N, C-alpha and C. Protein backbone atom coordinates (compact mmCIF):
# COMPACT_ATOMS: atom_id res chain seq x y z
N MET A 1 5.88 -5.89 -14.69
CA MET A 1 5.45 -4.81 -13.82
C MET A 1 4.12 -5.16 -13.16
N ARG A 2 3.17 -5.56 -13.93
CA ARG A 2 1.83 -5.85 -13.40
C ARG A 2 1.90 -6.94 -12.33
N THR A 3 2.74 -7.96 -12.56
CA THR A 3 2.88 -9.05 -11.60
C THR A 3 3.43 -8.54 -10.28
N SER A 4 4.41 -7.66 -10.31
CA SER A 4 4.98 -7.12 -9.07
C SER A 4 3.93 -6.38 -8.26
N ILE A 5 3.11 -5.60 -8.92
CA ILE A 5 2.07 -4.84 -8.23
C ILE A 5 1.02 -5.79 -7.66
N LEU A 6 0.59 -6.76 -8.45
CA LEU A 6 -0.40 -7.71 -7.96
C LEU A 6 0.14 -8.54 -6.79
N GLU A 7 1.40 -8.95 -6.87
CA GLU A 7 2.01 -9.69 -5.76
C GLU A 7 2.05 -8.83 -4.49
N ALA A 8 2.38 -7.57 -4.65
CA ALA A 8 2.41 -6.66 -3.50
C ALA A 8 1.02 -6.51 -2.88
N PHE A 9 0.00 -6.46 -3.72
CA PHE A 9 -1.37 -6.33 -3.21
C PHE A 9 -1.84 -7.61 -2.52
N GLU A 10 -1.37 -8.76 -2.99
CA GLU A 10 -1.70 -10.02 -2.31
C GLU A 10 -1.07 -10.06 -0.92
N ILE A 11 0.16 -9.58 -0.81
CA ILE A 11 0.81 -9.50 0.51
C ILE A 11 0.07 -8.52 1.39
N LEU A 12 -0.31 -7.38 0.82
CA LEU A 12 -1.06 -6.36 1.55
C LEU A 12 -2.38 -6.91 2.07
N GLN A 13 -3.02 -7.75 1.28
CA GLN A 13 -4.29 -8.35 1.69
C GLN A 13 -4.11 -9.21 2.94
N ARG A 14 -3.00 -9.93 3.01
CA ARG A 14 -2.73 -10.80 4.17
C ARG A 14 -2.14 -10.04 5.35
N HIS A 15 -1.40 -8.96 5.06
CA HIS A 15 -0.69 -8.20 6.10
C HIS A 15 -0.95 -6.70 5.90
N PRO A 16 -2.14 -6.23 6.22
CA PRO A 16 -2.52 -4.85 5.90
C PRO A 16 -1.72 -3.78 6.65
N LEU A 17 -1.01 -4.14 7.68
CA LEU A 17 -0.22 -3.15 8.42
C LEU A 17 1.22 -3.08 7.95
N ILE A 18 1.54 -3.77 6.85
CA ILE A 18 2.91 -3.80 6.35
C ILE A 18 3.39 -2.42 5.88
N GLY A 19 2.50 -1.61 5.38
CA GLY A 19 2.87 -0.27 4.92
C GLY A 19 3.08 0.69 6.08
N SER A 20 3.84 1.73 5.84
CA SER A 20 4.10 2.72 6.90
C SER A 20 2.95 3.73 6.97
N ALA A 21 2.71 4.22 8.17
CA ALA A 21 1.65 5.19 8.39
C ALA A 21 2.04 6.54 7.79
N VAL A 22 1.12 7.13 7.05
CA VAL A 22 1.33 8.46 6.47
C VAL A 22 0.64 9.50 7.35
N ASP A 23 -0.58 9.19 7.74
CA ASP A 23 -1.33 10.01 8.69
C ASP A 23 -2.28 9.09 9.45
N ASP A 24 -3.27 9.66 10.11
CA ASP A 24 -4.16 8.86 10.97
C ASP A 24 -4.91 7.76 10.24
N ASP A 25 -5.28 7.98 8.99
CA ASP A 25 -6.10 6.97 8.31
C ASP A 25 -5.53 6.51 6.97
N GLN A 26 -4.27 6.81 6.72
CA GLN A 26 -3.68 6.45 5.43
C GLN A 26 -2.31 5.82 5.65
N ARG A 27 -2.00 4.83 4.82
CA ARG A 27 -0.73 4.13 4.89
C ARG A 27 -0.07 4.13 3.51
N LYS A 28 1.25 3.85 3.47
CA LYS A 28 2.02 3.88 2.23
C LYS A 28 2.76 2.55 2.07
N LEU A 29 2.61 1.92 0.92
CA LEU A 29 3.31 0.68 0.60
C LEU A 29 4.27 0.94 -0.55
N VAL A 30 5.54 0.65 -0.34
CA VAL A 30 6.55 0.78 -1.39
C VAL A 30 6.63 -0.55 -2.12
N ILE A 31 6.49 -0.51 -3.43
CA ILE A 31 6.51 -1.72 -4.27
C ILE A 31 7.77 -1.69 -5.11
N SER A 32 8.66 -2.60 -4.85
CA SER A 32 9.94 -2.64 -5.55
C SER A 32 9.76 -3.08 -6.99
N TYR A 33 10.29 -2.28 -7.90
CA TYR A 33 10.31 -2.63 -9.31
C TYR A 33 11.40 -1.77 -9.96
N PRO A 34 12.54 -2.39 -10.27
CA PRO A 34 13.67 -1.62 -10.81
C PRO A 34 13.28 -0.85 -12.06
N PRO A 35 13.81 0.32 -12.29
CA PRO A 35 14.83 0.95 -11.48
C PRO A 35 14.30 1.81 -10.33
N THR A 36 13.03 2.15 -10.31
CA THR A 36 12.56 3.05 -9.26
C THR A 36 11.48 2.47 -8.38
N GLY A 37 10.54 1.74 -8.89
CA GLY A 37 9.46 1.18 -8.10
C GLY A 37 8.22 2.06 -8.08
N TYR A 38 7.26 1.63 -7.27
CA TYR A 38 5.98 2.31 -7.14
C TYR A 38 5.67 2.54 -5.68
N VAL A 39 4.77 3.47 -5.43
CA VAL A 39 4.26 3.71 -4.09
C VAL A 39 2.74 3.68 -4.18
N ALA A 40 2.13 2.92 -3.28
CA ALA A 40 0.67 2.85 -3.22
C ALA A 40 0.21 3.45 -1.90
N LEU A 41 -0.76 4.34 -1.97
CA LEU A 41 -1.40 4.86 -0.77
C LEU A 41 -2.69 4.10 -0.57
N TYR A 42 -2.97 3.75 0.69
CA TYR A 42 -4.19 2.99 0.95
C TYR A 42 -4.74 3.31 2.33
N HIS A 43 -6.01 3.03 2.48
CA HIS A 43 -6.69 3.15 3.77
C HIS A 43 -6.94 1.74 4.27
N TYR A 44 -6.78 1.56 5.56
CA TYR A 44 -6.98 0.25 6.18
C TYR A 44 -8.07 0.40 7.23
N ASP A 45 -9.15 -0.34 7.07
CA ASP A 45 -10.25 -0.31 8.02
C ASP A 45 -10.29 -1.64 8.75
N GLU A 46 -9.82 -1.61 9.97
CA GLU A 46 -9.76 -2.82 10.78
C GLU A 46 -11.14 -3.10 11.37
N ALA A 47 -11.75 -4.19 10.96
CA ALA A 47 -13.09 -4.56 11.43
C ALA A 47 -12.99 -5.38 12.70
N ALA A 48 -13.44 -4.81 13.79
CA ALA A 48 -13.52 -5.51 15.08
C ALA A 48 -12.18 -6.09 15.53
N GLY A 49 -11.07 -5.45 15.15
CA GLY A 49 -9.77 -5.88 15.62
C GLY A 49 -9.25 -7.16 14.99
N ASP A 50 -9.87 -7.65 13.95
CA ASP A 50 -9.48 -8.90 13.32
C ASP A 50 -9.02 -8.61 11.90
N THR A 51 -7.73 -8.87 11.60
CA THR A 51 -7.21 -8.56 10.27
C THR A 51 -7.83 -9.42 9.18
N SER A 52 -8.42 -10.56 9.52
CA SER A 52 -9.06 -11.38 8.49
C SER A 52 -10.33 -10.73 7.95
N ASP A 53 -10.92 -9.80 8.72
CA ASP A 53 -12.11 -9.08 8.28
C ASP A 53 -11.79 -7.66 7.82
N ALA A 54 -10.52 -7.34 7.73
CA ALA A 54 -10.10 -5.98 7.40
C ALA A 54 -10.42 -5.64 5.96
N VAL A 55 -10.61 -4.34 5.73
CA VAL A 55 -10.84 -3.82 4.39
C VAL A 55 -9.69 -2.89 4.04
N VAL A 56 -9.06 -3.15 2.88
CA VAL A 56 -7.97 -2.31 2.40
C VAL A 56 -8.45 -1.64 1.11
N LEU A 57 -8.41 -0.32 1.09
CA LEU A 57 -8.82 0.45 -0.08
C LEU A 57 -7.60 1.17 -0.63
N ILE A 58 -7.13 0.76 -1.79
CA ILE A 58 -5.98 1.39 -2.42
C ILE A 58 -6.49 2.62 -3.16
N THR A 59 -5.95 3.78 -2.78
CA THR A 59 -6.46 5.03 -3.34
C THR A 59 -5.59 5.60 -4.45
N THR A 60 -4.28 5.30 -4.42
CA THR A 60 -3.37 5.89 -5.40
C THR A 60 -2.18 4.97 -5.64
N ILE A 61 -1.76 4.88 -6.89
CA ILE A 61 -0.51 4.20 -7.24
C ILE A 61 0.27 5.14 -8.14
N ARG A 62 1.53 5.36 -7.77
CA ARG A 62 2.36 6.26 -8.57
C ARG A 62 3.77 5.70 -8.66
N TYR A 63 4.52 6.22 -9.66
CA TYR A 63 5.95 5.93 -9.70
C TYR A 63 6.58 6.53 -8.46
N GLN A 64 7.54 5.85 -7.91
CA GLN A 64 8.18 6.31 -6.68
C GLN A 64 8.88 7.66 -6.87
N ARG A 65 9.31 7.95 -8.07
CA ARG A 65 10.06 9.19 -8.33
C ARG A 65 9.17 10.40 -8.57
N GLU A 66 7.86 10.21 -8.66
CA GLU A 66 6.98 11.35 -8.90
C GLU A 66 7.05 12.33 -7.73
N SER A 67 7.02 13.59 -8.05
CA SER A 67 7.11 14.60 -7.01
C SER A 67 5.77 14.79 -6.30
N GLY A 68 5.85 15.30 -5.09
CA GLY A 68 4.65 15.61 -4.34
C GLY A 68 3.92 14.41 -3.78
N PHE A 69 4.65 13.33 -3.58
CA PHE A 69 3.99 12.12 -3.09
C PHE A 69 4.35 11.79 -1.66
N GLY A 70 4.96 12.72 -0.96
CA GLY A 70 5.27 12.51 0.46
C GLY A 70 6.38 11.50 0.65
N ASP A 71 7.50 11.71 -0.06
CA ASP A 71 8.62 10.78 0.05
C ASP A 71 9.01 10.64 1.45
């Protein structure tokens, strides 16, 4: 489990726009892990239009099946 989450965060670090937009300043990344997976909410701060200088702040990680997470 831990490896799947860390691998997803490494991908997120290289490709911060991979997650879907939830609202104006928050994005959602679905992390596959059978049987249900996880969902991470994060903020992406694009510095001067260059993704290499971007800052990604992961604010929440939950099981995908948890209620009230904006499925």
